[in-house]
Amino acid sequence: MSSKARESVITSVVLLAVFGFAYAQTLGMPATPALFPRMCLMLLTVLTLIMLYLDVRKYAKDASAQGGVHFREISIPLLEFIAVAAYAALFDRFGYFPATVLMLAGFMAALKVKPWWLIPAITAGYVLFIYLMFAVWLKVSIL
């Protein structure tokens, strides 16, 4: 078995273990609220099993398939994950609106949105829309 197939098997086993743990967590929930998470977990399990089957079939006989992940391949997703984690920390510390303004502006700047004035315009429009929708119309306290 090539190293690429071995990586796929390890990744799939870890994902299936996480899905199993998450499913076990839904067993303590009432039946109706637990339905949606269980359906999502079942779908993810089926898709993971399909991915595992296809990867093993593809890479099992190909001994030349190279495994390993290089930092250059994961640097952008890793930075995005760090940005989302920072958003969660800012959200907890300062609240929804300041954290969301920083996150939206940061992601749009990273994606090089042109012209530059669209960044504050889109951010202001989004924040205004959310405020009017939830705070004014639905009377939900989000501040």
N, C-alpha and C. Protein backbone atom coordinates (compact mmCIF):
# COMPACT_ATOMS: atom_id res chain seq x y z
N MET A 1 0.86 -1.18 0.00
CA MET A 1 0.00 0.00 0.00
C MET A 1 0.90 1.23 0.00
N SER A 2 0.56 2.17 -0.86
CA SER A 2 1.38 3.38 -0.95
C SER A 2 1.15 4.28 0.26
N SER A 3 2.05 5.22 0.45
CA SER A 3 1.91 6.14 1.59
C SER A 3 0.68 7.03 1.42
N LYS A 4 0.31 7.32 0.18
CA LYS A 4 -0.89 8.12 -0.07
C LYS A 4 -2.15 7.38 0.39
N ALA A 5 -2.21 6.07 0.10
CA ALA A 5 -3.36 5.27 0.55
C ALA A 5 -3.37 5.16 2.07
N ARG A 6 -2.20 5.02 2.67
CA ARG A 6 -2.11 4.93 4.13
C ARG A 6 -2.62 6.22 4.77
N GLU A 7 -2.24 7.37 4.20
CA GLU A 7 -2.73 8.66 4.71
C GLU A 7 -4.25 8.75 4.62
N SER A 8 -4.80 8.28 3.51
CA SER A 8 -6.25 8.33 3.32
C SER A 8 -6.95 7.45 4.34
N VAL A 9 -6.39 6.27 4.61
CA VAL A 9 -6.99 5.37 5.59
C VAL A 9 -6.94 6.00 6.98
N ILE A 10 -5.81 6.58 7.36
CA ILE A 10 -5.67 7.20 8.68
C ILE A 10 -6.64 8.36 8.83
N THR A 11 -6.71 9.20 7.80
CA THR A 11 -7.62 10.35 7.84
C THR A 11 -9.07 9.88 7.97
N SER A 12 -9.44 8.88 7.21
CA SER A 12 -10.82 8.38 7.26
C SER A 12 -11.14 7.77 8.62
N VAL A 13 -10.21 7.02 9.18
CA VAL A 13 -10.44 6.41 10.50
C VAL A 13 -10.62 7.50 11.56
N VAL A 14 -9.78 8.53 11.51
CA VAL A 14 -9.91 9.63 12.48
C VAL A 14 -11.26 10.33 12.31
N LEU A 15 -11.65 10.60 11.07
CA LEU A 15 -12.94 11.25 10.83
C LEU A 15 -14.09 10.37 11.33
N LEU A 16 -14.03 9.08 11.05
CA LEU A 16 -15.10 8.18 11.50
C LEU A 16 -15.16 8.13 13.03
N ALA A 17 -14.02 8.18 13.70
CA ALA A 17 -14.00 8.20 15.16
C ALA A 17 -14.64 9.49 15.69
N VAL A 18 -14.32 10.63 15.06
CA VAL A 18 -14.91 11.91 15.46
C VAL A 18 -16.42 11.89 15.24
N PHE A 19 -16.85 11.35 14.09
CA PHE A 19 -18.28 11.27 13.82
C PHE A 19 -18.97 10.36 14.83
N GLY A 20 -18.32 9.26 15.18
CA GLY A 20 -18.89 8.35 16.18
C GLY A 20 -19.03 9.02 17.54
N PHE A 21 -18.00 9.77 17.93
CA PHE A 21 -18.06 10.50 19.20
C PHE A 21 -19.19 11.53 19.17
N ALA A 22 -19.29 12.27 18.07
CA ALA A 22 -20.34 13.28 17.96
C ALA A 22 -21.72 12.63 17.97
N TYR A 23 -21.85 11.48 17.32
CA TYR A 23 -23.14 10.77 17.34
C TYR A 23 -23.49 10.33 18.76
N ALA A 24 -22.49 9.86 19.49
CA ALA A 24 -22.73 9.44 20.87
C ALA A 24 -23.20 10.63 21.72
N GLN A 25 -22.72 11.82 21.42
CA GLN A 25 -23.15 13.00 22.15
C GLN A 25 -24.62 13.32 21.90
N THR A 26 -25.14 12.94 20.72
CA THR A 26 -26.54 13.22 20.42
C THR A 26 -27.49 12.25 21.11
N LEU A 27 -26.96 11.16 21.65
CA LEU A 27 -27.84 10.18 22.29
C LEU A 27 -28.48 10.72 23.56
N GLY A 28 -27.87 11.70 24.20
CA GLY A 28 -28.44 12.30 25.39
C GLY A 28 -29.43 13.42 25.10
N MET A 29 -29.61 13.74 23.83
CA MET A 29 -30.51 14.83 23.44
C MET A 29 -31.92 14.29 23.23
N PRO A 30 -32.93 15.17 23.36
CA PRO A 30 -34.29 14.76 22.99
C PRO A 30 -34.33 14.36 21.51
N ALA A 31 -35.26 13.51 21.15
CA ALA A 31 -35.29 12.93 19.80
C ALA A 31 -35.40 13.96 18.68
N THR A 32 -36.27 14.93 18.82
CA THR A 32 -36.48 15.88 17.73
C THR A 32 -35.27 16.79 17.49
N PRO A 33 -34.70 17.42 18.52
CA PRO A 33 -33.52 18.25 18.26
C PRO A 33 -32.30 17.43 17.81
N ALA A 34 -32.25 16.15 18.14
CA ALA A 34 -31.11 15.32 17.76
C ALA A 34 -31.19 14.84 16.32
N LEU A 35 -32.35 14.99 15.69
CA LEU A 35 -32.54 14.45 14.35
C LEU A 35 -31.59 15.07 13.33
N PHE A 36 -31.50 16.40 13.28
CA PHE A 36 -30.66 17.06 12.28
C PHE A 36 -29.18 16.73 12.45
N PRO A 37 -28.61 16.83 13.67
CA PRO A 37 -27.19 16.46 13.80
C PRO A 37 -26.94 15.00 13.42
N ARG A 38 -27.86 14.12 13.75
CA ARG A 38 -27.68 12.71 13.39
C ARG A 38 -27.72 12.51 11.89
N MET A 39 -28.63 13.22 11.22
CA MET A 39 -28.68 13.11 9.75
C MET A 39 -27.40 13.61 9.13
N CYS A 40 -26.89 14.74 9.62
CA CYS A 40 -25.63 15.29 9.09
C CYS A 40 -24.47 14.33 9.34
N LEU A 41 -24.42 13.75 10.52
CA LEU A 41 -23.35 12.81 10.84
C LEU A 41 -23.43 11.55 10.00
N MET A 42 -24.63 11.09 9.74
CA MET A 42 -24.79 9.91 8.88
C MET A 42 -24.33 10.23 7.45
N LEU A 43 -24.71 11.39 6.96
CA LEU A 43 -24.28 11.78 5.62
C LEU A 43 -22.76 11.90 5.55
N LEU A 44 -22.16 12.54 6.54
CA LEU A 44 -20.70 12.67 6.56
C LEU A 44 -20.02 11.31 6.65
N THR A 45 -20.61 10.39 7.40
CA THR A 45 -20.05 9.04 7.51
C THR A 45 -20.10 8.32 6.17
N VAL A 46 -21.22 8.40 5.49
CA VAL A 46 -21.33 7.76 4.17
C VAL A 46 -20.34 8.37 3.19
N LEU A 47 -20.23 9.69 3.17
CA LEU A 47 -19.30 10.35 2.26
C LEU A 47 -17.84 10.00 2.58
N THR A 48 -17.52 9.88 3.87
CA THR A 48 -16.17 9.48 4.27
C THR A 48 -15.87 8.06 3.82
N LEU A 49 -16.84 7.17 3.96
CA LEU A 49 -16.64 5.79 3.52
C LEU A 49 -16.46 5.71 2.00
N ILE A 50 -17.22 6.50 1.27
CA ILE A 50 -17.06 6.55 -0.19
C ILE A 50 -15.66 7.08 -0.54
N MET A 51 -15.23 8.14 0.12
CA MET A 51 -13.90 8.70 -0.12
C MET A 51 -12.83 7.66 0.18
N LEU A 52 -12.98 6.95 1.28
CA LEU A 52 -12.01 5.92 1.66
C LEU A 52 -11.95 4.83 0.59
N TYR A 53 -13.07 4.35 0.14
CA TYR A 53 -13.12 3.31 -0.87
C TYR A 53 -12.44 3.78 -2.16
N LEU A 54 -12.78 4.96 -2.62
CA LEU A 54 -12.21 5.46 -3.87
C LEU A 54 -10.70 5.70 -3.75
N ASP A 55 -10.26 6.25 -2.63
CA ASP A 55 -8.84 6.51 -2.45
C ASP A 55 -8.03 5.22 -2.37
N VAL A 56 -8.52 4.26 -1.62
CA VAL A 56 -7.79 3.00 -1.49
C VAL A 56 -7.74 2.30 -2.84
N ARG A 57 -8.84 2.31 -3.54
CA ARG A 57 -8.87 1.69 -4.86
C ARG A 57 -7.91 2.38 -5.83
N LYS A 58 -7.82 3.69 -5.71
CA LYS A 58 -6.97 4.45 -6.62
C LYS A 58 -5.49 4.31 -6.27
N TYR A 59 -5.15 4.41 -4.99
CA TYR A 59 -3.75 4.47 -4.58
C TYR A 59 -3.17 3.14 -4.11
N ALA A 60 -4.00 2.14 -3.86
CA ALA A 60 -3.48 0.89 -3.29
C ALA A 60 -2.48 0.21 -4.22
N LYS A 61 -2.71 0.24 -5.49
CA LYS A 61 -1.83 -0.43 -6.44
C LYS A 61 -0.73 0.48 -6.98
N ASP A 62 -0.86 1.75 -6.76
CA ASP A 62 0.12 2.71 -7.28
C ASP A 62 1.17 2.99 -6.22
N ALA A 63 2.24 2.21 -6.25
CA ALA A 63 3.29 2.36 -5.24
C ALA A 63 4.07 3.65 -5.41
N SER A 64 3.96 4.29 -6.58
CA SER A 64 4.71 5.52 -6.81
C SER A 64 3.98 6.77 -6.28
N ALA A 65 2.76 6.59 -5.81
CA ALA A 65 2.01 7.74 -5.29
C ALA A 65 2.72 8.29 -4.07
N GLN A 66 3.01 9.55 -4.11
CA GLN A 66 3.75 10.19 -3.03
C GLN A 66 2.80 10.70 -1.97
N GLY A 67 3.15 10.46 -0.73
CA GLY A 67 2.35 10.95 0.38
C GLY A 67 2.98 12.20 0.95
N GLY A 68 2.42 12.65 2.01
CA GLY A 68 2.97 13.81 2.69
C GLY A 68 2.31 15.10 2.24
N VAL A 69 2.18 15.98 3.18
CA VAL A 69 1.60 17.28 2.89
C VAL A 69 2.69 18.32 3.11
N HIS A 70 2.81 19.20 2.17
CA HIS A 70 3.82 20.25 2.27
C HIS A 70 3.17 21.52 2.79
N PHE A 71 3.94 22.28 3.56
CA PHE A 71 3.40 23.49 4.18
C PHE A 71 2.84 24.44 3.13
N ARG A 72 3.47 24.51 1.98
CA ARG A 72 3.04 25.41 0.92
C ARG A 72 1.60 25.09 0.48
N GLU A 73 1.21 23.81 0.56
CA GLU A 73 -0.13 23.40 0.15
C GLU A 73 -1.20 23.77 1.18
N ILE A 74 -0.81 23.83 2.44
CA ILE A 74 -1.81 24.07 3.49
C ILE A 74 -1.70 25.45 4.12
N SER A 75 -0.79 26.29 3.64
CA SER A 75 -0.57 27.58 4.30
C SER A 75 -1.81 28.48 4.25
N ILE A 76 -2.47 28.57 3.10
CA ILE A 76 -3.66 29.44 2.99
C ILE A 76 -4.81 28.89 3.83
N PRO A 77 -5.17 27.60 3.73
CA PRO A 77 -6.24 27.10 4.63
C PRO A 77 -5.89 27.24 6.10
N LEU A 78 -4.61 27.08 6.44
CA LEU A 78 -4.19 27.22 7.84
C LEU A 78 -4.38 28.66 8.31
N LEU A 79 -4.01 29.62 7.47
CA LEU A 79 -4.20 31.03 7.82
C LEU A 79 -5.70 31.36 7.96
N GLU A 80 -6.52 30.79 7.08
CA GLU A 80 -7.96 31.02 7.18
C GLU A 80 -8.51 30.44 8.48
N PHE A 81 -8.04 29.26 8.86
CA PHE A 81 -8.47 28.66 10.12
C PHE A 81 -8.06 29.54 11.30
N ILE A 82 -6.84 30.04 11.28
CA ILE A 82 -6.37 30.92 12.35
C ILE A 82 -7.22 32.18 12.41
N ALA A 83 -7.58 32.72 11.24
CA ALA A 83 -8.43 33.92 11.20
C ALA A 83 -9.81 33.64 11.79
N VAL A 84 -10.38 32.48 11.50
CA VAL A 84 -11.70 32.14 12.05
C VAL A 84 -11.59 31.94 13.56
N ALA A 85 -10.51 31.32 14.02
CA ALA A 85 -10.31 31.15 15.46
C ALA A 85 -10.15 32.52 16.14
N ALA A 86 -9.44 33.43 15.48
CA ALA A 86 -9.30 34.79 16.03
C ALA A 86 -10.66 35.48 16.06
N TYR A 87 -11.47 35.26 15.02
CA TYR A 87 -12.83 35.83 15.00
C TYR A 87 -13.64 35.32 16.19
N ALA A 88 -13.54 34.03 16.47
CA ALA A 88 -14.27 33.46 17.60
C ALA A 88 -13.81 34.08 18.92
N ALA A 89 -12.50 34.29 19.06
CA ALA A 89 -11.97 34.91 20.28
C ALA A 89 -12.43 36.36 20.38
N LEU A 90 -12.38 37.10 19.28
CA LEU A 90 -12.85 38.49 19.28
C LEU A 90 -14.35 38.56 19.56
N PHE A 91 -15.09 37.63 18.98
CA PHE A 91 -16.53 37.57 19.19
C PHE A 91 -16.84 37.39 20.68
N ASP A 92 -16.11 36.50 21.32
CA ASP A 92 -16.32 36.24 22.75
C ASP A 92 -15.93 37.45 23.59
N ARG A 93 -14.87 38.13 23.19
CA ARG A 93 -14.33 39.24 23.99
C ARG A 93 -15.08 40.55 23.76
N PHE A 94 -15.37 40.89 22.49
CA PHE A 94 -15.92 42.21 22.17
C PHE A 94 -17.36 42.20 21.66
N GLY A 95 -17.87 41.05 21.28
CA GLY A 95 -19.24 40.98 20.79
C GLY A 95 -19.29 40.81 19.28
N TYR A 96 -20.51 40.66 18.79
CA TYR A 96 -20.74 40.31 17.39
C TYR A 96 -20.29 41.40 16.42
N PHE A 97 -20.74 42.62 16.62
CA PHE A 97 -20.49 43.66 15.63
C PHE A 97 -19.02 44.03 15.46
N PRO A 98 -18.27 44.32 16.51
CA PRO A 98 -16.84 44.64 16.29
C PRO A 98 -16.07 43.48 15.67
N ALA A 99 -16.33 42.26 16.13
CA ALA A 99 -15.62 41.10 15.59
C ALA A 99 -15.97 40.87 14.13
N THR A 100 -17.23 41.04 13.79
CA THR A 100 -17.66 40.81 12.41
C THR A 100 -17.11 41.87 11.47
N VAL A 101 -17.08 43.12 11.92
CA VAL A 101 -16.50 44.18 11.10
C VAL A 101 -15.04 43.88 10.80
N LEU A 102 -14.28 43.49 11.82
CA LEU A 102 -12.87 43.17 11.62
C LEU A 102 -12.70 41.95 10.71
N MET A 103 -13.52 40.94 10.91
CA MET A 103 -13.41 39.73 10.10
C MET A 103 -13.75 40.01 8.64
N LEU A 104 -14.85 40.68 8.39
CA LEU A 104 -15.23 40.99 7.01
C LEU A 104 -14.18 41.85 6.32
N ALA A 105 -13.75 42.90 6.99
CA ALA A 105 -12.74 43.78 6.38
C ALA A 105 -11.43 43.03 6.16
N GLY A 106 -11.04 42.20 7.11
CA GLY A 106 -9.80 41.45 6.98
C GLY A 106 -9.84 40.45 5.83
N PHE A 107 -10.93 39.70 5.72
CA PHE A 107 -11.03 38.73 4.63
C PHE A 107 -11.12 39.42 3.27
N MET A 108 -11.87 40.52 3.19
CA MET A 108 -11.96 41.22 1.92
C MET A 108 -10.62 41.84 1.54
N ALA A 109 -9.89 42.36 2.50
CA ALA A 109 -8.56 42.90 2.21
C ALA A 109 -7.62 41.78 1.76
N ALA A 110 -7.69 40.62 2.41
CA ALA A 110 -6.84 39.49 2.04
C ALA A 110 -7.17 38.98 0.64
N LEU A 111 -8.44 39.08 0.26
CA LEU A 111 -8.86 38.65 -1.08
C LEU A 111 -8.68 39.76 -2.11
N LYS A 112 -8.13 40.89 -1.68
CA LYS A 112 -7.82 42.03 -2.56
C LYS A 112 -9.05 42.52 -3.33
N VAL A 113 -10.10 42.81 -2.58
CA VAL A 113 -11.31 43.34 -3.19
C VAL A 113 -10.99 44.72 -3.76
N LYS A 114 -11.35 44.92 -5.00
CA LYS A 114 -11.12 46.20 -5.67
C LYS A 114 -12.46 46.72 -6.17
N PRO A 115 -12.69 47.98 -6.21
CA PRO A 115 -11.93 49.08 -5.63
C PRO A 115 -12.01 49.04 -4.10
N TRP A 116 -11.06 49.69 -3.47
CA TRP A 116 -10.90 49.63 -2.01
C TRP A 116 -12.14 50.09 -1.26
N TRP A 117 -12.89 51.03 -1.82
CA TRP A 117 -14.03 51.59 -1.10
C TRP A 117 -15.17 50.57 -0.96
N LEU A 118 -15.13 49.47 -1.71
CA LEU A 118 -16.14 48.44 -1.54
C LEU A 118 -16.04 47.74 -0.19
N ILE A 119 -14.83 47.67 0.36
CA ILE A 119 -14.66 46.99 1.65
C ILE A 119 -15.47 47.67 2.75
N PRO A 120 -15.30 48.97 3.00
CA PRO A 120 -16.14 49.59 4.04
C PRO A 120 -17.61 49.65 3.65
N ALA A 121 -17.91 49.78 2.35
CA ALA A 121 -19.31 49.86 1.93
C ALA A 121 -20.03 48.53 2.18
N ILE A 122 -19.42 47.44 1.79
CA ILE A 122 -20.04 46.13 2.00
C ILE A 122 -20.14 45.82 3.49
N THR A 123 -19.08 46.12 4.24
CA THR A 123 -19.09 45.86 5.67
C THR A 123 -20.18 46.66 6.36
N ALA A 124 -20.28 47.96 6.05
CA ALA A 124 -21.32 48.80 6.65
C ALA A 124 -22.72 48.33 6.25
N GLY A 125 -22.90 47.98 4.98
CA GLY A 125 -24.20 47.48 4.52
C GLY A 125 -24.60 46.19 5.21
N TYR A 126 -23.64 45.29 5.39
CA TYR A 126 -23.93 44.03 6.07
C TYR A 126 -24.31 44.27 7.53
N VAL A 127 -23.52 45.07 8.22
CA VAL A 127 -23.78 45.33 9.63
C VAL A 127 -25.13 46.04 9.80
N LEU A 128 -25.42 46.99 8.94
CA LEU A 128 -26.71 47.69 9.00
C LEU A 128 -27.86 46.72 8.76
N PHE A 129 -27.73 45.87 7.75
CA PHE A 129 -28.77 44.89 7.45
C PHE A 129 -29.02 43.96 8.65
N ILE A 130 -27.95 43.42 9.23
CA ILE A 130 -28.08 42.50 10.37
C ILE A 130 -28.70 43.23 11.56
N TYR A 131 -28.28 44.46 11.81
CA TYR A 131 -28.83 45.22 12.92
C TYR A 131 -30.33 45.46 12.73
N LEU A 132 -30.71 45.92 11.53
CA LEU A 132 -32.12 46.18 11.27
C LEU A 132 -32.94 44.90 11.32
N MET A 133 -32.41 43.83 10.76
CA MET A 133 -33.15 42.57 10.72
C MET A 133 -33.36 42.00 12.12
N PHE A 134 -32.30 41.91 12.91
CA PHE A 134 -32.41 41.22 14.19
C PHE A 134 -32.76 42.14 15.35
N ALA A 135 -32.07 43.28 15.46
CA ALA A 135 -32.30 44.15 16.62
C ALA A 135 -33.60 44.94 16.49
N VAL A 136 -33.90 45.43 15.28
CA VAL A 136 -35.08 46.27 15.12
C VAL A 136 -36.32 45.42 14.80
N TRP A 137 -36.24 44.64 13.74
CA TRP A 137 -37.42 43.93 13.27
C TRP A 137 -37.78 42.74 14.16
N LEU A 138 -36.79 41.87 14.48
CA LEU A 138 -37.09 40.69 15.28
C LEU A 138 -36.94 40.92 16.79
N LYS A 139 -36.41 42.09 17.16
CA LYS A 139 -36.24 42.48 18.55
C LYS A 139 -35.40 41.47 19.34
N VAL A 140 -34.29 41.03 18.72
CA VAL A 140 -33.35 40.13 19.37
C VAL A 140 -32.19 40.96 19.91
N SER A 141 -31.80 40.73 21.13
CA SER A 141 -30.70 41.48 21.72
C SER A 141 -29.37 40.89 21.25
N ILE A 142 -28.69 41.59 20.33
CA ILE A 142 -27.41 41.10 19.83
C ILE A 142 -26.27 42.06 20.14
N LEU A 143 -26.53 43.07 20.91
CA LEU A 143 -25.47 44.03 21.22
C LEU A 143 -24.74 43.66 22.42
